[in-house]
Amino acid sequence: MSGVSIDLANLVGLGGSTLMVIAFIYSNVAKVLNFLLFNLLNLVGSIMLIASLAVHFNLASMALEVVWAVIAVFGLAKAWMGRKSA
């Protein structure tokens, strides 16, 4: 890969992508989905990607990750509230 450096920002972004792929795999193989775990993996992954994109900016990717993080926060809140009422 010409012109691509493996710096800390890229490593953080790759880690975030890995967490989000793990969440996706988990959502497809779990018999019962733990929504706290699923949304936490997505939130942490998207925050890591946002940090990476702050260094290597791309508007479309940043917009996607911000929306992804907001949805994950909503999902976490919903899962947490459901857990407290159970």
N, C-alpha and C. Protein backbone atom coordinates (compact mmCIF):
# COMPACT_ATOMS: atom_id res chain seq x y z
N MET A 1 0.84 -1.19 0.00
CA MET A 1 0.00 0.00 0.00
C MET A 1 0.88 1.24 0.00
N SER A 2 0.91 1.89 -1.06
CA SER A 2 1.70 3.09 -1.19
C SER A 2 1.01 4.27 -0.52
N GLY A 3 1.73 5.00 0.31
CA GLY A 3 1.20 6.21 0.92
C GLY A 3 0.39 6.01 2.18
N VAL A 4 0.23 4.79 2.64
CA VAL A 4 -0.52 4.53 3.87
C VAL A 4 0.47 4.21 4.97
N SER A 5 0.44 5.03 6.01
CA SER A 5 1.33 4.77 7.14
C SER A 5 0.53 4.14 8.27
N ILE A 6 1.17 3.25 8.97
CA ILE A 6 0.53 2.61 10.12
C ILE A 6 0.95 3.41 11.35
N ASP A 7 0.24 4.49 11.59
CA ASP A 7 0.50 5.31 12.76
C ASP A 7 -0.53 5.00 13.83
N LEU A 8 -0.45 5.68 14.96
CA LEU A 8 -1.35 5.41 16.08
C LEU A 8 -2.81 5.63 15.69
N ALA A 9 -3.09 6.67 14.94
CA ALA A 9 -4.47 6.95 14.53
C ALA A 9 -5.04 5.80 13.70
N ASN A 10 -4.23 5.26 12.80
CA ASN A 10 -4.69 4.13 11.99
C ASN A 10 -4.88 2.88 12.84
N LEU A 11 -4.01 2.65 13.80
CA LEU A 11 -4.16 1.49 14.68
C LEU A 11 -5.42 1.61 15.53
N VAL A 12 -5.70 2.81 16.02
CA VAL A 12 -6.93 3.03 16.79
C VAL A 12 -8.15 2.80 15.90
N GLY A 13 -8.11 3.30 14.68
CA GLY A 13 -9.21 3.09 13.74
C GLY A 13 -9.42 1.62 13.41
N LEU A 14 -8.33 0.90 13.22
CA LEU A 14 -8.44 -0.54 12.95
C LEU A 14 -9.02 -1.28 14.16
N GLY A 15 -8.64 -0.86 15.36
CA GLY A 15 -9.21 -1.45 16.57
C GLY A 15 -10.70 -1.20 16.66
N GLY A 16 -11.11 0.02 16.34
CA GLY A 16 -12.53 0.37 16.35
C GLY A 16 -13.31 -0.43 15.31
N SER A 17 -12.74 -0.56 14.13
CA SER A 17 -13.38 -1.37 13.09
C SER A 17 -13.53 -2.81 13.53
N THR A 18 -12.51 -3.33 14.19
CA THR A 18 -12.54 -4.70 14.68
C THR A 18 -13.68 -4.89 15.68
N LEU A 19 -13.83 -3.95 16.61
CA LEU A 19 -14.91 -4.05 17.59
C LEU A 19 -16.28 -4.04 16.91
N MET A 20 -16.43 -3.21 15.90
CA MET A 20 -17.71 -3.13 15.21
C MET A 20 -18.00 -4.39 14.41
N VAL A 21 -16.98 -4.99 13.83
CA VAL A 21 -17.16 -6.26 13.12
C VAL A 21 -17.51 -7.37 14.11
N ILE A 22 -16.84 -7.36 15.26
CA ILE A 22 -17.17 -8.35 16.30
C ILE A 22 -18.64 -8.21 16.72
N ALA A 23 -19.10 -6.97 16.89
CA ALA A 23 -20.50 -6.73 17.26
C ALA A 23 -21.44 -7.26 16.17
N PHE A 24 -21.09 -7.05 14.92
CA PHE A 24 -21.92 -7.52 13.81
C PHE A 24 -21.96 -9.05 13.77
N ILE A 25 -20.81 -9.67 13.92
CA ILE A 25 -20.77 -11.14 13.95
C ILE A 25 -21.60 -11.65 15.12
N TYR A 26 -21.41 -11.05 16.29
CA TYR A 26 -22.15 -11.45 17.49
C TYR A 26 -23.66 -11.36 17.26
N SER A 27 -24.10 -10.27 16.63
CA SER A 27 -25.54 -10.09 16.41
C SER A 27 -26.12 -11.14 15.46
N ASN A 28 -25.26 -11.74 14.65
CA ASN A 28 -25.72 -12.74 13.69
C ASN A 28 -25.59 -14.18 14.18
N VAL A 29 -24.81 -14.40 15.23
CA VAL A 29 -24.62 -15.77 15.70
C VAL A 29 -25.22 -16.02 17.08
N ALA A 30 -25.50 -14.97 17.83
CA ALA A 30 -26.03 -15.14 19.19
C ALA A 30 -27.47 -15.64 19.14
N LYS A 31 -27.78 -16.59 20.00
CA LYS A 31 -29.17 -17.05 20.10
C LYS A 31 -30.00 -16.01 20.83
N VAL A 32 -29.42 -15.39 21.84
CA VAL A 32 -30.07 -14.30 22.57
C VAL A 32 -29.08 -13.15 22.61
N LEU A 33 -29.49 -12.02 22.07
CA LEU A 33 -28.61 -10.87 21.95
C LEU A 33 -28.59 -10.07 23.25
N ASN A 34 -27.39 -9.84 23.77
CA ASN A 34 -27.20 -8.96 24.91
C ASN A 34 -27.05 -7.54 24.34
N PHE A 35 -28.10 -6.74 24.44
CA PHE A 35 -28.10 -5.42 23.82
C PHE A 35 -27.12 -4.46 24.46
N LEU A 36 -26.83 -4.64 25.75
CA LEU A 36 -25.81 -3.80 26.39
C LEU A 36 -24.45 -4.07 25.75
N LEU A 37 -24.08 -5.33 25.62
CA LEU A 37 -22.80 -5.68 25.01
C LEU A 37 -22.74 -5.24 23.55
N PHE A 38 -23.78 -5.53 22.80
CA PHE A 38 -23.82 -5.18 21.39
C PHE A 38 -23.65 -3.68 21.17
N ASN A 39 -24.41 -2.89 21.90
CA ASN A 39 -24.33 -1.43 21.73
C ASN A 39 -23.05 -0.85 22.31
N LEU A 40 -22.52 -1.45 23.36
CA LEU A 40 -21.25 -0.98 23.92
C LEU A 40 -20.11 -1.21 22.94
N LEU A 41 -20.08 -2.39 22.33
CA LEU A 41 -19.06 -2.66 21.31
C LEU A 41 -19.16 -1.66 20.16
N ASN A 42 -20.38 -1.38 19.71
CA ASN A 42 -20.57 -0.41 18.63
C ASN A 42 -20.17 1.00 19.04
N LEU A 43 -20.52 1.39 20.27
CA LEU A 43 -20.17 2.74 20.73
C LEU A 43 -18.66 2.92 20.84
N VAL A 44 -18.00 1.98 21.50
CA VAL A 44 -16.55 2.09 21.66
C VAL A 44 -15.86 2.04 20.30
N GLY A 45 -16.33 1.16 19.43
CA GLY A 45 -15.76 1.09 18.09
C GLY A 45 -15.92 2.38 17.31
N SER A 46 -17.11 2.97 17.39
CA SER A 46 -17.34 4.21 16.64
C SER A 46 -16.54 5.37 17.24
N ILE A 47 -16.38 5.40 18.56
CA ILE A 47 -15.57 6.46 19.18
C ILE A 47 -14.11 6.32 18.75
N MET A 48 -13.64 5.08 18.70
CA MET A 48 -12.26 4.87 18.24
C MET A 48 -12.09 5.30 16.78
N LEU A 49 -13.08 5.02 15.95
CA LEU A 49 -13.00 5.46 14.56
C LEU A 49 -13.10 6.97 14.44
N ILE A 50 -13.92 7.60 15.27
CA ILE A 50 -14.01 9.07 15.27
C ILE A 50 -12.66 9.67 15.64
N ALA A 51 -11.99 9.08 16.63
CA ALA A 51 -10.65 9.56 17.02
C ALA A 51 -9.67 9.42 15.86
N SER A 52 -9.72 8.30 15.17
CA SER A 52 -8.86 8.10 14.02
C SER A 52 -9.17 9.09 12.91
N LEU A 53 -10.47 9.32 12.68
CA LEU A 53 -10.88 10.25 11.62
C LEU A 53 -10.56 11.70 11.97
N ALA A 54 -10.39 12.00 13.24
CA ALA A 54 -9.98 13.36 13.63
C ALA A 54 -8.57 13.66 13.11
N VAL A 55 -7.77 12.61 12.94
CA VAL A 55 -6.41 12.77 12.41
C VAL A 55 -6.40 12.64 10.89
N HIS A 56 -7.08 11.61 10.40
CA HIS A 56 -7.16 11.35 8.95
C HIS A 56 -8.61 11.58 8.52
N PHE A 57 -8.97 12.84 8.36
CA PHE A 57 -10.37 13.23 8.19
C PHE A 57 -10.96 12.79 6.85
N ASN A 58 -12.20 12.32 6.94
CA ASN A 58 -13.02 12.00 5.79
C ASN A 58 -14.45 12.32 6.20
N LEU A 59 -15.08 13.28 5.56
CA LEU A 59 -16.39 13.77 5.98
C LEU A 59 -17.45 12.68 5.99
N ALA A 60 -17.53 11.89 4.95
CA ALA A 60 -18.57 10.85 4.88
C ALA A 60 -18.39 9.83 6.00
N SER A 61 -17.17 9.41 6.23
CA SER A 61 -16.92 8.44 7.30
C SER A 61 -17.19 9.04 8.67
N MET A 62 -16.80 10.30 8.86
CA MET A 62 -17.05 10.96 10.15
C MET A 62 -18.55 11.07 10.41
N ALA A 63 -19.32 11.46 9.40
CA ALA A 63 -20.78 11.57 9.56
C ALA A 63 -21.37 10.22 9.93
N LEU A 64 -20.94 9.17 9.25
CA LEU A 64 -21.44 7.83 9.54
C LEU A 64 -21.11 7.42 10.98
N GLU A 65 -19.90 7.65 11.42
CA GLU A 65 -19.50 7.24 12.77
C GLU A 65 -20.21 8.04 13.86
N VAL A 66 -20.45 9.33 13.62
CA VAL A 66 -21.19 10.13 14.60
C VAL A 66 -22.62 9.61 14.73
N VAL A 67 -23.25 9.34 13.61
CA VAL A 67 -24.61 8.78 13.64
C VAL A 67 -24.60 7.41 14.31
N TRP A 68 -23.61 6.59 14.00
CA TRP A 68 -23.48 5.25 14.59
C TRP A 68 -23.36 5.35 16.11
N ALA A 69 -22.55 6.30 16.57
CA ALA A 69 -22.35 6.49 18.02
C ALA A 69 -23.65 6.94 18.69
N VAL A 70 -24.37 7.85 18.05
CA VAL A 70 -25.64 8.33 18.62
C VAL A 70 -26.64 7.17 18.72
N ILE A 71 -26.72 6.36 17.70
CA ILE A 71 -27.63 5.21 17.72
C ILE A 71 -27.21 4.23 18.83
N ALA A 72 -25.91 4.02 18.98
CA ALA A 72 -25.41 3.11 20.02
C ALA A 72 -25.74 3.65 21.41
N VAL A 73 -25.62 4.96 21.61
CA VAL A 73 -25.98 5.56 22.91
C VAL A 73 -27.46 5.36 23.17
N PHE A 74 -28.28 5.58 22.16
CA PHE A 74 -29.73 5.35 22.29
C PHE A 74 -30.01 3.89 22.65
N GLY A 75 -29.33 2.97 21.95
CA GLY A 75 -29.51 1.55 22.22
C GLY A 75 -29.06 1.16 23.62
N LEU A 76 -27.95 1.75 24.07
CA LEU A 76 -27.48 1.48 25.43
C LEU A 76 -28.48 1.98 26.46
N ALA A 77 -28.99 3.18 26.26
CA ALA A 77 -29.97 3.74 27.20
C ALA A 77 -31.22 2.88 27.24
N LYS A 78 -31.69 2.46 26.08
CA LYS A 78 -32.88 1.62 26.02
C LYS A 78 -32.63 0.28 26.71
N ALA A 79 -31.49 -0.33 26.45
CA ALA A 79 -31.15 -1.61 27.07
C ALA A 79 -31.00 -1.45 28.58
N TRP A 80 -30.38 -0.37 29.01
CA TRP A 80 -30.17 -0.13 30.44
C TRP A 80 -31.51 0.09 31.14
N MET A 81 -32.39 0.86 30.54
CA MET A 81 -33.71 1.11 31.14
C MET A 81 -34.52 -0.18 31.20
N GLY A 82 -34.44 -1.00 30.16
CA GLY A 82 -35.14 -2.27 30.15
C GLY A 82 -34.60 -3.22 31.20
N ARG A 83 -33.31 -3.14 31.44
CA ARG A 83 -32.66 -3.98 32.44
C ARG A 83 -33.10 -3.58 33.85
N LYS A 84 -33.23 -2.28 34.08
CA LYS A 84 -33.61 -1.78 35.40
C LYS A 84 -35.05 -2.11 35.72
N SER A 85 -35.92 -2.18 34.69
CA SER A 85 -37.33 -2.44 34.95
C SER A 85 -37.63 -3.94 35.02
N ALA A 86 -36.66 -4.75 34.63
CA ALA A 86 -36.87 -6.21 34.64
C ALA A 86 -36.71 -6.80 36.03
